Amino acid sequence: MIYIGTSGWHYPKAKEGAFSWDGLFYPPKQRGVKTPPELEYYSQFYSTAEVNLTFYQLPRLDMVQGWVRRTPKGFLFSVKLHQKFTHPSLYEATETAAGRTPTPLATADIEAFRMILDVLAEGGKLGALLIQFGFDLPPTAFNIETVMALARAFEPHPVALEVRSRGWRSAPHIVAELRASNVAWGYVDQYTLHYPSIRDVAPTADFYYLRLHGRNEKWVKAKSGGERYNYLYSREELGPIAARIRGAASTVNRVFVYFNNHAAGKAPVNATMFQSLLDQLPPAEHTDALRARYPELADLSMRHGVAFKPTSDVIVRGGVPPTPPPGPPHRG
């Protein structure tokens, strides 16, 4: 059960400019021609999506219910925890004679976010909760206790933990803590850290989680998110990643792979290429504009014997809508 998708699906021209998905991944808007809503269109290609919106704001519950209704059976959403919990310093440490202890999490904040997860879970559409910390969280006893308390606060929902500071994944006692709580380690691929070179450990949960941010060397000096994530993985770069994911899939129930290199539709292009490496090519065809921009998709069609037809909208091979993987697999 390998679920492949992108981190977010809503990248409008108003915010992303030249890096937008409008008229590229999504069909160009034409007078008198009805195009499907973004999420419905997106879900014709991929079995999952990682929701980024929730990192910045809590969506209304009726919006979340709409995500459930507008996606096919088996489609799963993984949800990124709000930044107030993880960035930058969210716990006021209490100094006592025994040392520092984490301040209890605000019940109201936890419950407000849990409601989002509950709606998705009840609809059979929840993949996992992603808790992402940055580079400024050393694996001290205090920080480990704080992070694990946060993960446990959302039980029994599946939790993946991404911590970018060194020392977390390599510490046996931390790995043991994750296993005890069925928390998955969130693997990443980015400019400073290539996933195939990361020493793996036995899975810490019954699912596996990988995010691919791109390997843009201008990451640190980038002036915008679009510029930072402006990177297209080659088939040669994706091959070793796919091979490793195949191996991981044999040890867990589910694997989630999300492409976050969103600039100018590169994430969906790479997600489709990755699907092909895992024999998951979707029935839907991409727009003419995306295929013209990225010859990799044309090459992919030849590998699978697909004859492209001119279209400004999605084409479904044989008139059959795509079937997502079975089982319970944004504005994003």
C-alpha atoms as a PDB file:
ATOM      1  CA  MET A   1       0.000   0.000   0.000  1.00  0.00           C
ATOM      2  CA  ILE A   2       2.161   2.846  -1.312  1.00  0.00           C
ATOM      3  CA  TYR A   3       0.400   6.215  -1.450  1.00  0.00           C
ATOM      4  CA  ILE A   4       2.014   8.859  -3.667  1.00  0.00           C
ATOM      5  CA  GLY A   5       1.040  12.520  -3.826  1.00  0.00           C
ATOM      6  CA  THR A   6       2.184  16.099  -3.343  1.00  0.00           C
ATOM      7  CA  SER A   7       2.499  18.464  -0.411  1.00  0.00           C
ATOM      8  CA  GLY A   8      -0.442  20.751  -1.087  1.00  0.00           C
ATOM      9  CA  TRP A   9      -2.523  21.117  -4.213  1.00  0.00           C
ATOM     10  CA  HIS A  10      -3.476  24.815  -4.268  1.00  0.00           C
ATOM     11  CA  TYR A  11      -0.755  27.024  -5.756  1.00  0.00           C
ATOM     12  CA  PRO A  12      -2.575  29.991  -7.339  1.00  0.00           C
ATOM     13  CA  LYS A  13      -0.983  32.526  -9.648  1.00  0.00           C
ATOM     14  CA  ALA A  14      -1.845  35.350  -7.246  1.00  0.00           C
ATOM     15  CA  LYS A  15       0.614  33.953  -4.690  1.00  0.00           C
ATOM     16  CA  GLU A  16       3.014  31.797  -6.689  1.00  0.00           C
ATOM     17  CA  GLY A  17       3.400  33.912  -9.823  1.00  0.00           C
ATOM     18  CA  ALA A  18       5.547  32.093 -12.380  1.00  0.00           C
ATOM     19  CA  PHE A  19       5.656  29.089 -10.044  1.00  0.00           C
ATOM     20  CA  SER A  20       1.858  28.646 -10.046  1.00  0.00           C
ATOM     21  CA  TRP A  21       0.021  25.466 -11.083  1.00  0.00           C
ATOM     22  CA  ASP A  22      -2.761  27.444 -12.785  1.00  0.00           C
ATOM     23  CA  GLY A  23      -3.029  26.645 -16.487  1.00  0.00           C
ATOM     24  CA  LEU A  24      -0.186  24.152 -16.130  1.00  0.00           C
ATOM     25  CA  PHE A  25      -1.085  21.237 -13.885  1.00  0.00           C
ATOM     26  CA  TYR A  26      -4.667  22.504 -13.805  1.00  0.00           C
ATOM     27  CA  PRO A  27      -6.427  23.040 -17.148  1.00  0.00           C
ATOM     28  CA  PRO A  28      -6.523  26.675 -18.324  1.00  0.00           C
ATOM     29  CA  LYS A  29      -9.814  28.364 -17.614  1.00  0.00           C
ATOM     30  CA  GLN A  30     -11.840  28.965 -20.780  1.00  0.00           C
ATOM     31  CA  ARG A  31     -15.064  30.846 -21.189  1.00  0.00           C
ATOM     32  CA  GLY A  32     -17.978  28.456 -21.436  1.00  0.00           C
ATOM     33  CA  VAL A  33     -15.875  25.432 -20.439  1.00  0.00           C
ATOM     34  CA  LYS A  34     -16.493  23.965 -17.010  1.00  0.00           C
ATOM     35  CA  THR A  35     -13.412  22.662 -15.234  1.00  0.00           C
ATOM     36  CA  PRO A  36     -13.536  20.498 -12.097  1.00  0.00           C
ATOM     37  CA  PRO A  37     -12.561  21.971  -8.717  1.00  0.00           C
ATOM     38  CA  GLU A  38      -8.850  21.647  -7.980  1.00  0.00           C
ATOM     39  CA  LEU A  39      -9.101  18.894  -5.385  1.00  0.00           C
ATOM     40  CA  GLU A  40     -11.403  16.775  -7.534  1.00  0.00           C
ATOM     41  CA  TYR A  41      -9.056  17.181 -10.487  1.00  0.00           C
ATOM     42  CA  TYR A  42      -5.992  16.412  -8.359  1.00  0.00           C
ATOM     43  CA  SER A  43      -7.564  13.247  -6.943  1.00  0.00           C
ATOM     44  CA  GLN A  44      -7.883  11.820 -10.477  1.00  0.00           C
ATOM     45  CA  PHE A  45      -4.083  11.478 -10.486  1.00  0.00           C
ATOM     46  CA  TYR A  46      -2.988  10.716  -6.923  1.00  0.00           C
ATOM     47  CA  SER A  47      -4.174   8.617  -3.992  1.00  0.00           C
ATOM     48  CA  THR A  48      -3.131  11.039  -1.261  1.00  0.00           C
ATOM     49  CA  ALA A  49      -2.311  14.665  -0.462  1.00  0.00           C
ATOM     50  CA  GLU A  50      -0.404  16.290   2.352  1.00  0.00           C
ATOM     51  CA  VAL A  51      -2.316  19.272   3.724  1.00  0.00           C
ATOM     52  CA  ASN A  52      -0.092  22.313   4.284  1.00  0.00           C
ATOM     53  CA  LEU A  53      -2.904  24.750   5.039  1.00  0.00           C
ATOM     54  CA  THR A  54      -3.251  23.411   8.577  1.00  0.00           C
ATOM     55  CA  PHE A  55       0.317  24.490   9.385  1.00  0.00           C
ATOM     56  CA  TYR A  56      -0.761  28.131   8.980  1.00  0.00           C
ATOM     57  CA  GLN A  57      -4.428  28.141   9.987  1.00  0.00           C
ATOM     58  CA  LEU A  58      -7.191  25.843  11.112  1.00  0.00           C
ATOM     59  CA  PRO A  59      -9.701  25.278   8.305  1.00  0.00           C
ATOM     60  CA  ARG A  60     -13.412  25.317   9.047  1.00  0.00           C
ATOM     61  CA  LEU A  61     -14.800  21.856   9.701  1.00  0.00           C
ATOM     62  CA  ASP A  62     -17.239  22.192   6.803  1.00  0.00           C
ATOM     63  CA  MET A  63     -14.214  22.690   4.520  1.00  0.00           C
ATOM     64  CA  VAL A  64     -12.655  19.489   5.857  1.00  0.00           C
ATOM     65  CA  GLN A  65     -15.962  17.680   5.349  1.00  0.00           C
ATOM     66  CA  GLY A  66     -15.866  18.955   1.773  1.00  0.00           C
ATOM     67  CA  TRP A  67     -12.455  17.327   1.272  1.00  0.00           C
ATOM     68  CA  VAL A  68     -13.972  14.032   2.360  1.00  0.00           C
ATOM     69  CA  ARG A  69     -16.918  14.369  -0.028  1.00  0.00           C
ATOM     70  CA  ARG A  70     -14.925  15.530  -3.050  1.00  0.00           C
ATOM     71  CA  THR A  71     -12.349  12.762  -3.086  1.00  0.00           C
ATOM     72  CA  PRO A  72     -12.855   9.128  -4.139  1.00  0.00           C
ATOM     73  CA  LYS A  73     -13.051   6.221  -1.759  1.00  0.00           C
ATOM     74  CA  GLY A  74      -9.597   5.211  -0.601  1.00  0.00           C
ATOM     75  CA  PHE A  75      -8.061   8.679  -0.981  1.00  0.00           C
ATOM     76  CA  LEU A  76      -6.103   9.741   2.133  1.00  0.00           C
ATOM     77  CA  PHE A  77      -5.058  13.100   3.568  1.00  0.00           C
ATOM     78  CA  SER A  78      -2.018  13.545   5.774  1.00  0.00           C
ATOM     79  CA  VAL A  79      -2.253  16.713   7.836  1.00  0.00           C
ATOM     80  CA  LYS A  80       0.587  18.968   8.953  1.00  0.00           C
ATOM     81  CA  LEU A  81       0.294  20.121  12.570  1.00  0.00           C
ATOM     82  CA  HIS A  82      -0.164  23.849  13.154  1.00  0.00           C
ATOM     83  CA  GLN A  83       3.050  25.829  13.646  1.00  0.00           C
ATOM     84  CA  LYS A  84       1.965  27.097  17.056  1.00  0.00           C
ATOM     85  CA  PHE A  85       2.848  23.634  18.406  1.00  0.00           C
ATOM     86  CA  THR A  86       6.250  23.327  16.764  1.00  0.00           C
ATOM     87  CA  HIS A  87       7.730  26.710  15.727  1.00  0.00           C
ATOM     88  CA  PRO A  88       9.730  28.240  17.202  1.00  0.00           C
ATOM     89  CA  SER A  89       9.519  27.893  21.012  1.00  0.00           C
ATOM     90  CA  LEU A  90       6.040  26.822  21.926  1.00  0.00           C
ATOM     91  CA  TYR A  91       6.423  25.570  25.447  1.00  0.00           C
ATOM     92  CA  GLU A  92       7.252  27.834  28.343  1.00  0.00           C
ATOM     93  CA  ALA A  93       9.570  25.711  30.445  1.00  0.00           C
ATOM     94  CA  THR A  94       8.874  25.654  34.146  1.00  0.00           C
ATOM     95  CA  GLU A  95      11.950  25.811  36.356  1.00  0.00           C
ATOM     96  CA  THR A  96      11.652  23.721  39.495  1.00  0.00           C
ATOM     97  CA  ALA A  97      14.059  22.195  41.962  1.00  0.00           C
ATOM     98  CA  ALA A  98      13.910  19.032  39.865  1.00  0.00           C
ATOM     99  CA  GLY A  99      14.775  20.914  36.665  1.00  0.00           C
ATOM    100  CA  ARG A 100      12.812  21.979  33.598  1.00  0.00           C
ATOM    101  CA  THR A 101       9.486  20.358  32.791  1.00  0.00           C
ATOM    102  CA  PRO A 102       7.233  21.032  29.801  1.00  0.00           C
ATOM    103  CA  THR A 103       4.217  23.209  30.355  1.00  0.00           C
ATOM    104  CA  PRO A 104       1.053  21.132  29.774  1.00  0.00           C
ATOM    105  CA  LEU A 105      -0.362  21.469  26.281  1.00  0.00           C
ATOM    106  CA  ALA A 106      -3.386  23.737  26.006  1.00  0.00           C
ATOM    107  CA  THR A 107      -6.370  21.410  25.975  1.00  0.00           C
ATOM    108  CA  ALA A 108      -8.426  23.764  23.802  1.00  0.00           C
ATOM    109  CA  ASP A 109      -5.701  23.921  21.137  1.00  0.00           C
ATOM    110  CA  ILE A 110      -5.291  20.155  21.084  1.00  0.00           C
ATOM    111  CA  GLU A 111      -9.027  19.542  20.865  1.00  0.00           C
ATOM    112  CA  ALA A 112      -9.492  22.107  18.073  1.00  0.00           C
ATOM    113  CA  PHE A 113      -6.912  20.325  15.945  1.00  0.00           C
ATOM    114  CA  ARG A 114      -8.152  16.864  16.904  1.00  0.00           C
ATOM    115  CA  MET A 115     -11.553  17.754  15.467  1.00  0.00           C
ATOM    116  CA  ILE A 116      -9.965  18.095  12.010  1.00  0.00           C
ATOM    117  CA  LEU A 117      -8.338  14.681  12.330  1.00  0.00           C
ATOM    118  CA  ASP A 118     -11.559  13.171  13.670  1.00  0.00           C
ATOM    119  CA  VAL A 119     -13.577  14.383  10.667  1.00  0.00           C
ATOM    120  CA  LEU A 120     -11.082  12.841   8.251  1.00  0.00           C
ATOM    121  CA  ALA A 121     -10.828   9.615  10.239  1.00  0.00           C
ATOM    122  CA  GLU A 122     -14.599   9.225  10.465  1.00  0.00           C
ATOM    123  CA  GLY A 123     -14.796   9.675   6.702  1.00  0.00           C
ATOM    124  CA  GLY A 124     -12.109   7.025   6.154  1.00  0.00           C
ATOM    125  CA  LYS A 125      -9.765   9.674   4.696  1.00  0.00           C
ATOM    126  CA  LEU A 126      -7.051  10.172   7.349  1.00  0.00           C
ATOM    127  CA  GLY A 127      -3.519   9.133   6.444  1.00  0.00           C
ATOM    128  CA  ALA A 128      -1.360  10.533   9.247  1.00  0.00           C
ATOM    129  CA  LEU A 129      -0.614  13.623  11.297  1.00  0.00           C
ATOM    130  CA  LEU A 130       2.774  15.149  10.450  1.00  0.00           C
ATOM    131  CA  ILE A 131       4.565  16.894  13.316  1.00  0.00           C
ATOM    132  CA  GLN A 132       7.478  18.830  11.837  1.00  0.00           C
ATOM    133  CA  PHE A 133      10.181  20.577  13.834  1.00  0.00           C
ATOM    134  CA  GLY A 134      13.041  22.612  12.401  1.00  0.00           C
ATOM    135  CA  PHE A 135      16.820  22.665  12.755  1.00  0.00           C
ATOM    136  CA  ASP A 136      16.827  24.227  16.215  1.00  0.00           C
ATOM    137  CA  LEU A 137      15.665  21.348  18.403  1.00  0.00           C
ATOM    138  CA  PRO A 138      18.570  19.363  19.892  1.00  0.00           C
ATOM    139  CA  PRO A 139      17.687  15.934  21.317  1.00  0.00           C
ATOM    140  CA  THR A 140      17.878  16.917  24.972  1.00  0.00           C
ATOM    141  CA  ALA A 141      15.865  15.006  27.576  1.00  0.00           C
ATOM    142  CA  PHE A 142      13.543  17.986  27.905  1.00  0.00           C
ATOM    143  CA  ASN A 143      12.920  18.253  24.148  1.00  0.00           C
ATOM    144  CA  ILE A 144      12.371  14.510  23.756  1.00  0.00           C
ATOM    145  CA  GLU A 145       9.810  14.562  26.566  1.00  0.00           C
ATOM    146  CA  THR A 146       8.079  17.554  25.007  1.00  0.00           C
ATOM    147  CA  VAL A 147       7.911  16.034  21.518  1.00  0.00           C
ATOM    148  CA  MET A 148       6.635  12.679  22.729  1.00  0.00           C
ATOM    149  CA  ALA A 149       3.981  14.364  24.880  1.00  0.00           C
ATOM    150  CA  LEU A 150       2.806  16.208  21.786  1.00  0.00           C
ATOM    151  CA  ALA A 151       2.635  12.994  19.735  1.00  0.00           C
ATOM    152  CA  ARG A 152       0.725  11.174  22.467  1.00  0.00           C
ATOM    153  CA  ALA A 153      -1.778  14.029  22.707  1.00  0.00           C
ATOM    154  CA  PHE A 154      -3.236  12.991  19.341  1.00  0.00           C
ATOM    155  CA  GLU A 155      -3.610   9.264  20.003  1.00  0.00           C
ATOM    156  CA  PRO A 156      -4.983   7.060  18.536  1.00  0.00           C
ATOM    157  CA  HIS A 157      -4.433   8.902  15.231  1.00  0.00           C
ATOM    158  CA  PRO A 158      -1.251   7.916  13.323  1.00  0.00           C
ATOM    159  CA  VAL A 159       1.618  10.354  13.866  1.00  0.00           C
ATOM    160  CA  ALA A 160       4.786  10.924  11.816  1.00  0.00           C
ATOM    161  CA  LEU A 161       7.611  12.977  13.327  1.00  0.00           C
ATOM    162  CA  GLU A 162      10.011  15.060  11.232  1.00  0.00           C
ATOM    163  CA  VAL A 163      12.870  16.639  13.178  1.00  0.00           C
ATOM    164  CA  ARG A 164      15.631  18.186  11.111  1.00  0.00           C
ATOM    165  CA  SER A 165      18.170  18.578  13.926  1.00  0.00           C
ATOM    166  CA  ARG A 166      20.979  16.056  14.063  1.00  0.00           C
ATOM    167  CA  GLY A 167      21.024  13.246  16.603  1.00  0.00           C
ATOM    168  CA  TRP A 168      17.355  12.350  16.809  1.00  0.00           C
ATOM    169  CA  ARG A 169      17.138   9.414  14.434  1.00  0.00           C
ATOM    170  CA  SER A 170      20.457   7.881  15.476  1.00  0.00           C
ATOM    171  CA  ALA A 171      19.726   7.738  19.224  1.00  0.00           C
ATOM    172  CA  PRO A 172      18.536   4.241  20.265  1.00  0.00           C
ATOM    173  CA  HIS A 173      16.520   5.536  23.216  1.00  0.00           C
ATOM    174  CA  ILE A 174      14.603   7.943  20.960  1.00  0.00           C
ATOM    175  CA  VAL A 175      13.893   5.178  18.446  1.00  0.00           C
ATOM    176  CA  ALA A 176      12.590   3.064  21.328  1.00  0.00           C
ATOM    177  CA  GLU A 177      10.312   5.924  22.431  1.00  0.00           C
ATOM    178  CA  LEU A 178       8.906   6.229  18.914  1.00  0.00           C
ATOM    179  CA  ARG A 179       8.283   2.485  18.682  1.00  0.00           C
ATOM    180  CA  ALA A 180       6.526   2.410  22.034  1.00  0.00           C
ATOM    181  CA  SER A 181       4.068   5.041  20.781  1.00  0.00           C
ATOM    182  CA  ASN A 182       3.830   3.768  17.166  1.00  0.00           C
ATOM    183  CA  VAL A 183       5.185   7.096  15.870  1.00  0.00           C
ATOM    184  CA  ALA A 184       6.764   6.922  12.405  1.00  0.00           C
ATOM    185  CA  TRP A 185      10.057   8.641  11.683  1.00  0.00           C
ATOM    186  CA  GLY A 186       9.565  11.195   8.914  1.00  0.00           C
ATOM    187  CA  TYR A 187      12.301  10.762   6.320  1.00  0.00           C
ATOM    188  CA  VAL A 188      13.247  13.640   4.010  1.00  0.00           C
ATOM    189  CA  ASP A 189      15.164  14.187   0.800  1.00  0.00           C
ATOM    190  CA  GLN A 190      16.595  17.688   0.283  1.00  0.00           C
ATOM    191  CA  TYR A 191      19.631  19.600  -0.885  1.00  0.00           C
ATOM    192  CA  THR A 192      21.763  18.725   2.151  1.00  0.00           C
ATOM    193  CA  LEU A 193      20.486  15.223   2.753  1.00  0.00           C
ATOM    194  CA  HIS A 194      19.754  12.692   0.018  1.00  0.00           C
ATOM    195  CA  TYR A 195      17.351  10.023   1.195  1.00  0.00           C
ATOM    196  CA  PRO A 196      19.139   7.033  -0.427  1.00  0.00           C
ATOM    197  CA  SER A 197      22.258   7.873   1.618  1.00  0.00           C
ATOM    198  CA  ILE A 198      20.448   7.938   4.981  1.00  0.00           C
ATOM    199  CA  ARG A 199      21.128   4.931   7.175  1.00  0.00           C
ATOM    200  CA  ASP A 200      17.790   3.283   7.754  1.00  0.00           C
ATOM    201  CA  VAL A 201      16.501   1.862  11.014  1.00  0.00           C
ATOM    202  CA  ALA A 202      13.773  -0.710  11.471  1.00  0.00           C
ATOM    203  CA  PRO A 203      10.375   1.012  11.130  1.00  0.00           C
ATOM    204  CA  THR A 204       9.168   2.634  14.337  1.00  0.00           C
ATOM    205  CA  ALA A 205       5.491   2.392  13.367  1.00  0.00           C
ATOM    206  CA  ASP A 206       3.155   0.362  11.183  1.00  0.00           C
ATOM    207  CA  PHE A 207       3.498   2.984   8.410  1.00  0.00           C
ATOM    208  CA  TYR A 208       6.361   4.790   6.652  1.00  0.00           C
ATOM    209  CA  TYR A 209       6.605   8.484   5.741  1.00  0.00           C
ATOM    210  CA  LEU A 210       8.858  10.233   3.186  1.00  0.00           C
ATOM    211  CA  ARG A 211       8.874  13.859   2.018  1.00  0.00           C
ATOM    212  CA  LEU A 212      10.910  15.028  -0.984  1.00  0.00           C
ATOM    213  CA  HIS A 213      11.715  18.738  -0.883  1.00  0.00           C
ATOM    214  CA  GLY A 214      14.010  18.911  -3.913  1.00  0.00           C
ATOM    215  CA  ARG A 215      17.775  19.331  -4.050  1.00  0.00           C
ATOM    216  CA  ASN A 216      17.991  22.997  -4.942  1.00  0.00           C
ATOM    217  CA  GLU A 217      21.445  24.315  -4.009  1.00  0.00           C
ATOM    218  CA  LYS A 218      19.958  27.795  -3.555  1.00  0.00           C
ATOM    219  CA  TRP A 219      17.737  26.528  -0.697  1.00  0.00           C
ATOM    220  CA  VAL A 220      19.219  28.780   1.993  1.00  0.00           C
ATOM    221  CA  LYS A 221      19.567  31.868  -0.198  1.00  0.00           C
ATOM    222  CA  ALA A 222      16.204  31.507  -1.917  1.00  0.00           C
ATOM    223  CA  LYS A 223      14.005  34.594  -1.681  1.00  0.00           C
ATOM    224  CA  SER A 224      10.691  32.747  -1.864  1.00  0.00           C
ATOM    225  CA  GLY A 225       9.153  29.349  -1.328  1.00  0.00           C
ATOM    226  CA  GLY A 226       8.722  28.942  -5.055  1.00  0.00           C
ATOM    227  CA  GLU A 227      12.409  29.563  -5.648  1.00  0.00           C
ATOM    228  CA  ARG A 228      13.459  27.256  -2.803  1.00  0.00           C
ATOM    229  CA  TYR A 229      11.379  24.355  -4.096  1.00  0.00           C
ATOM    230  CA  ASN A 230      12.231  24.899  -7.762  1.00  0.00           C
ATOM    231  CA  TYR A 231      13.789  21.543  -8.487  1.00  0.00           C
ATOM    232  CA  LEU A 232      12.867  18.658 -10.769  1.00  0.00           C
ATOM    233  CA  TYR A 233      14.101  15.192  -9.845  1.00  0.00           C
ATOM    234  CA  SER A 234      15.455  13.156 -12.756  1.00  0.00           C
ATOM    235  CA  ARG A 235      14.411   9.565 -13.382  1.00  0.00           C
ATOM    236  CA  GLU A 236      17.939   8.543 -12.404  1.00  0.00           C
ATOM    237  CA  GLU A 237      17.583  10.303  -9.037  1.00  0.00           C
ATOM    238  CA  LEU A 238      14.163   8.780  -8.381  1.00  0.00           C
ATOM    239  CA  GLY A 239      15.230   5.221  -9.192  1.00  0.00           C
ATOM    240  CA  PRO A 240      17.181   4.521  -5.968  1.00  0.00           C
ATOM    241  CA  ILE A 241      14.427   6.202  -3.925  1.00  0.00           C
ATOM    242  CA  ALA A 242      11.772   3.981  -5.491  1.00  0.00           C
ATOM    243  CA  ALA A 243      13.868   0.875  -4.865  1.00  0.00           C
ATOM    244  CA  ARG A 244      14.224   1.737  -1.203  1.00  0.00           C
ATOM    245  CA  ILE A 245      10.508   2.488  -0.878  1.00  0.00           C
ATOM    246  CA  ARG A 246       9.697  -0.927  -2.350  1.00  0.00           C
ATOM    247  CA  GLY A 247      11.761  -2.462   0.435  1.00  0.00           C
ATOM    248  CA  ALA A 248      10.101  -0.349   3.120  1.00  0.00           C
ATOM    249  CA  ALA A 249       6.652  -1.305   1.846  1.00  0.00           C
ATOM    250  CA  SER A 250       7.320  -4.946   2.686  1.00  0.00           C
ATOM    251  CA  THR A 251       7.739  -4.121   6.382  1.00  0.00           C
ATOM    252  CA  VAL A 252       4.738  -1.854   7.086  1.00  0.00           C
ATOM    253  CA  ASN A 253       1.040  -1.551   6.269  1.00  0.00           C
ATOM    254  CA  ARG A 254       1.241   1.776   4.434  1.00  0.00           C
ATOM    255  CA  VAL A 255       3.879   4.007   2.872  1.00  0.00           C
ATOM    256  CA  PHE A 256       3.285   7.721   2.232  1.00  0.00           C
ATOM    257  CA  VAL A 257       5.486   9.569  -0.274  1.00  0.00           C
ATOM    258  CA  TYR A 258       4.952  13.309  -0.785  1.00  0.00           C
ATOM    259  CA  PHE A 259       6.708  15.603  -3.262  1.00  0.00           C
ATOM    260  CA  ASN A 260       7.112  19.126  -1.888  1.00  0.00           C
ATOM    261  CA  ASN A 261       9.105  20.561  -4.829  1.00  0.00           C
ATOM    262  CA  HIS A 262       5.975  22.399  -5.895  1.00  0.00           C
ATOM    263  CA  ALA A 263       7.398  25.187  -8.091  1.00  0.00           C
ATOM    264  CA  ALA A 264       5.706  25.366 -11.520  1.00  0.00           C
ATOM    265  CA  GLY A 265       4.090  21.950 -11.221  1.00  0.00           C
ATOM    266  CA  LYS A 266       7.303  20.016 -10.649  1.00  0.00           C
ATOM    267  CA  ALA A 267       5.834  18.083  -7.700  1.00  0.00           C
ATOM    268  CA  PRO A 268       3.006  16.471  -9.705  1.00  0.00           C
ATOM    269  CA  VAL A 269       5.424  15.726 -12.561  1.00  0.00           C
ATOM    270  CA  ASN A 270       7.773  13.922 -10.185  1.00  0.00           C
ATOM    271  CA  ALA A 271       4.876  12.210  -8.399  1.00  0.00           C
ATOM    272  CA  THR A 272       3.705  10.795 -11.741  1.00  0.00           C
ATOM    273  CA  MET A 273       7.233   9.699 -12.624  1.00  0.00           C
ATOM    274  CA  PHE A 274       7.514   8.028  -9.230  1.00  0.00           C
ATOM    275  CA  GLN A 275       4.198   6.248  -9.748  1.00  0.00           C
ATOM    276  CA  SER A 276       5.545   4.782 -12.972  1.00  0.00           C
ATOM    277  CA  LEU A 277       8.642   3.474 -11.185  1.00  0.00           C
ATOM    278  CA  LEU A 278       6.308   1.639  -8.816  1.00  0.00           C
ATOM    279  CA  ASP A 279       3.908   0.498 -11.559  1.00  0.00           C
ATOM    280  CA  GLN A 280       1.172   2.866 -10.405  1.00  0.00           C
ATOM    281  CA  LEU A 281       0.646   5.021 -13.494  1.00  0.00           C
ATOM    282  CA  PRO A 282      -2.812   6.643 -13.069  1.00  0.00           C
ATOM    283  CA  PRO A 283      -5.535   6.450 -15.740  1.00  0.00           C
ATOM    284  CA  ALA A 284      -5.721  10.254 -16.048  1.00  0.00           C
ATOM    285  CA  GLU A 285      -3.584  12.208 -18.532  1.00  0.00           C
ATOM    286  CA  HIS A 286      -1.983  15.534 -17.702  1.00  0.00           C
ATOM    287  CA  THR A 287      -2.729  18.746 -19.551  1.00  0.00           C
ATOM    288  CA  ASP A 288      -1.077  19.598 -22.851  1.00  0.00           C
ATOM    289  CA  ALA A 289       0.665  22.516 -21.132  1.00  0.00           C
ATOM    290  CA  LEU A 290       2.290  20.347 -18.463  1.00  0.00           C
ATOM    291  CA  ARG A 291       3.380  17.730 -20.991  1.00  0.00           C
ATOM    292  CA  ALA A 292       4.828  20.436 -23.234  1.00  0.00           C
ATOM    293  CA  ARG A 293       6.747  21.993 -20.320  1.00  0.00           C
ATOM    294  CA  TYR A 294       8.124  18.676 -19.061  1.00  0.00           C
ATOM    295  CA  PRO A 295       9.265  16.189 -21.745  1.00  0.00           C
ATOM    296  CA  GLU A 296       9.722  13.636 -18.953  1.00  0.00           C
ATOM    297  CA  LEU A 297       5.967  13.042 -19.125  1.00  0.00           C
ATOM    298  CA  ALA A 298       6.109  12.382 -22.879  1.00  0.00           C
ATOM    299  CA  ASP A 299       8.937   9.932 -22.307  1.00  0.00           C
ATOM    300  CA  LEU A 300       6.827   8.295 -19.632  1.00  0.00           C
ATOM    301  CA  SER A 301       3.945   7.859 -22.049  1.00  0.00           C
ATOM    302  CA  MET A 302       6.175   6.088 -24.531  1.00  0.00           C
ATOM    303  CA  ARG A 303       7.435   3.727 -21.834  1.00  0.00           C
ATOM    304  CA  HIS A 304       3.853   2.737 -21.082  1.00  0.00           C
ATOM    305  CA  GLY A 305       2.581   2.774 -24.656  1.00  0.00           C
ATOM    306  CA  VAL A 306       0.152   5.625 -24.055  1.00  0.00           C
ATOM    307  CA  ALA A 307      -0.975   7.643 -27.049  1.00  0.00           C
ATOM    308  CA  PHE A 308      -1.607  11.237 -26.025  1.00  0.00           C
ATOM    309  CA  LYS A 309      -4.544  13.120 -27.450  1.00  0.00           C
ATOM    310  CA  PRO A 310      -4.843  16.904 -27.572  1.00  0.00           C
ATOM    311  CA  THR A 311      -6.945  18.138 -24.677  1.00  0.00           C
ATOM    312  CA  SER A 312      -7.430  21.104 -22.426  1.00  0.00           C
ATOM    313  CA  ASP A 313      -8.933  18.925 -19.763  1.00  0.00           C
ATOM    314  CA  VAL A 314      -8.211  15.569 -18.202  1.00  0.00           C
ATOM    315  CA  ILE A 315      -8.456  12.463 -20.377  1.00  0.00           C
ATOM    316  CA  VAL A 316      -9.272   9.131 -18.806  1.00  0.00           C
ATOM    317  CA  ARG A 317      -7.908   6.102 -20.610  1.00  0.00           C
ATOM    318  CA  GLY A 318     -10.733   3.900 -21.793  1.00  0.00           C
ATOM    319  CA  GLY A 319     -13.284   6.180 -20.149  1.00  0.00           C
ATOM    320  CA  VAL A 320     -12.673   4.504 -16.786  1.00  0.00           C
ATOM    321  CA  PRO A 321     -12.101   6.777 -13.788  1.00  0.00           C
ATOM    322  CA  PRO A 322      -8.969   6.102 -11.741  1.00  0.00           C
ATOM    323  CA  THR A 323      -9.258   3.622  -8.904  1.00  0.00           C
ATOM    324  CA  PRO A 324      -7.256   4.611  -5.809  1.00  0.00           C
ATOM    325  CA  PRO A 325      -5.679   1.918  -3.642  1.00  0.00           C
ATOM    326  CA  PRO A 326      -8.299   0.170  -1.496  1.00  0.00           C
ATOM    327  CA  GLY A 327      -8.715   0.864   2.172  1.00  0.00           C
ATOM    328  CA  PRO A 328      -9.095   3.945   4.310  1.00  0.00           C
ATOM    329  CA  PRO A 329      -5.365   5.440   1.735  1.00  0.00           C
ATOM    330  CA  HIS A 330      -6.772  21.460   0.592  1.00  0.00           C
ATOM    331  CA  ARG A 331      -6.870  24.053   0.088  1.00  0.00           C
ATOM    332  CA  GLY A 332      -3.501  22.513   0.628  1.00  0.00           C
END
